[in-house]
Amino acid sequence: MMNYTNALLDRVKAKFELTSDYQLSKKLGIGQGRITHWRKGTCSMDWDVAFAICDLLEEDDQNVVYGLIDDKYSNPRLVNALHDGRSAQ
């Protein structure tokens, strides 16, 4: 399943030349099982980890927040409202 979450995780792996999700989990200070659940889409990435990844990648917080919206929320009205708010800025 390729989504923003997986792309974000893969960017961290590439930047730090990590070869496994196990190494990635150690870099992020979390259990490997959480990464597995995120990759499969059975749960969404926690915001605290998302912001830690922002710092690691030197990425703008807003870019990551808006990128994760579709992965985190399934309510179409909420997703549309959040995306509409972004384009109004």
Protein backbone atom coordinates (compact mmCIF):
# COMPACT_ATOMS: atom_id res chain seq x y z
CA MET A 1 0.00 0.00 0.00
CA MET A 2 1.66 3.24 -1.12
CA ASN A 3 0.41 6.30 0.64
CA TYR A 4 1.92 9.40 2.18
CA THR A 5 2.76 7.56 5.40
CA ASN A 6 4.82 4.95 3.56
CA ALA A 7 6.49 7.60 1.42
CA LEU A 8 7.42 9.55 4.56
CA LEU A 9 8.85 6.48 6.27
CA ASP A 10 10.80 5.61 3.13
CA ARG A 11 12.23 9.13 2.97
CA VAL A 12 13.64 8.74 6.49
CA LYS A 13 15.10 5.37 5.54
CA ALA A 14 16.73 6.85 2.44
CA LYS A 15 18.10 9.94 4.19
CA PHE A 16 19.75 7.92 6.94
CA GLU A 17 20.64 4.92 4.72
CA LEU A 18 18.55 2.53 6.79
CA THR A 19 18.00 -0.87 5.21
CA SER A 20 15.09 -2.18 7.28
CA ASP A 21 12.00 -1.09 9.16
CA TYR A 22 13.71 -2.46 12.27
CA GLN A 23 16.49 0.13 11.86
CA LEU A 24 13.85 2.77 11.16
CA SER A 25 11.99 1.90 14.35
CA LYS A 26 15.21 2.28 16.34
CA LYS A 27 15.90 5.66 14.68
CA LEU A 28 12.40 6.84 15.61
CA GLY A 29 12.52 5.31 19.10
CA ILE A 30 9.40 3.20 18.62
CA GLY A 31 8.55 -0.47 18.26
CA GLN A 32 8.76 -2.07 14.84
CA GLY A 33 5.15 -3.25 15.18
CA ARG A 34 3.92 0.35 14.99
CA ILE A 35 5.66 0.83 11.65
CA THR A 36 4.16 -2.42 10.38
CA HIS A 37 0.66 -1.25 11.36
CA TRP A 38 1.21 2.13 9.69
CA ARG A 39 2.50 0.54 6.51
CA LYS A 40 -0.48 -1.80 6.32
CA GLY A 41 -2.90 1.01 7.11
CA THR A 42 -4.35 -0.75 10.16
CA CYS A 43 -3.70 2.40 12.20
CA SER A 44 -2.35 5.84 11.47
CA MET A 45 0.88 7.50 12.48
CA ASP A 46 0.84 9.37 15.78
CA TRP A 47 1.32 13.11 15.52
CA ASP A 48 4.30 13.10 17.89
CA VAL A 49 6.15 10.70 15.58
CA ALA A 50 5.06 12.67 12.52
CA PHE A 51 6.60 15.84 13.98
CA ALA A 52 9.76 13.97 14.94
CA ILE A 53 10.01 12.90 11.29
CA CYS A 54 9.49 16.54 10.25
CA ASP A 55 12.53 17.43 12.31
CA LEU A 56 14.62 14.56 10.93
CA LEU A 57 13.75 15.46 7.34
CA GLU A 58 13.85 19.23 7.96
CA GLU A 59 10.36 19.28 6.47
CA ASP A 60 7.73 21.94 7.10
CA ASP A 61 5.18 20.79 9.71
CA GLN A 62 2.24 21.87 7.56
CA ASN A 63 3.39 19.82 4.57
CA VAL A 64 3.48 16.68 6.68
CA VAL A 65 0.17 17.42 8.41
CA TYR A 66 -1.63 17.96 5.12
CA GLY A 67 0.11 14.96 3.59
CA LEU A 68 -1.10 12.71 6.40
CA ILE A 69 -4.71 13.92 6.41
CA ASP A 70 -5.89 11.38 3.84
CA ASP A 71 -4.04 8.56 5.64
CA LYS A 72 -5.36 9.45 9.09
CA TYR A 73 -8.99 10.31 8.46
CA SER A 74 -11.67 8.47 6.53
CA ASN A 75 -14.51 10.98 6.97
CA PRO A 76 -14.73 12.64 3.54
CA ARG A 77 -16.33 15.80 4.91
CA LEU A 78 -13.52 16.28 7.43
CA VAL A 79 -10.83 15.58 4.84
CA ASN A 80 -12.40 18.03 2.38
CA ALA A 81 -12.73 20.72 5.06
CA LEU A 82 -9.09 20.34 6.06
CA HIS A 83 -7.89 20.42 2.44
CA ASP A 84 -10.14 23.39 1.67
CA GLY A 85 -8.65 25.22 4.65
CA ARG A 86 -5.20 24.65 3.24
CA SER A 87 -6.02 26.12 -0.16
CA ALA A 88 -7.62 29.17 1.48
CA GLN A 89 -4.29 30.17 3.04
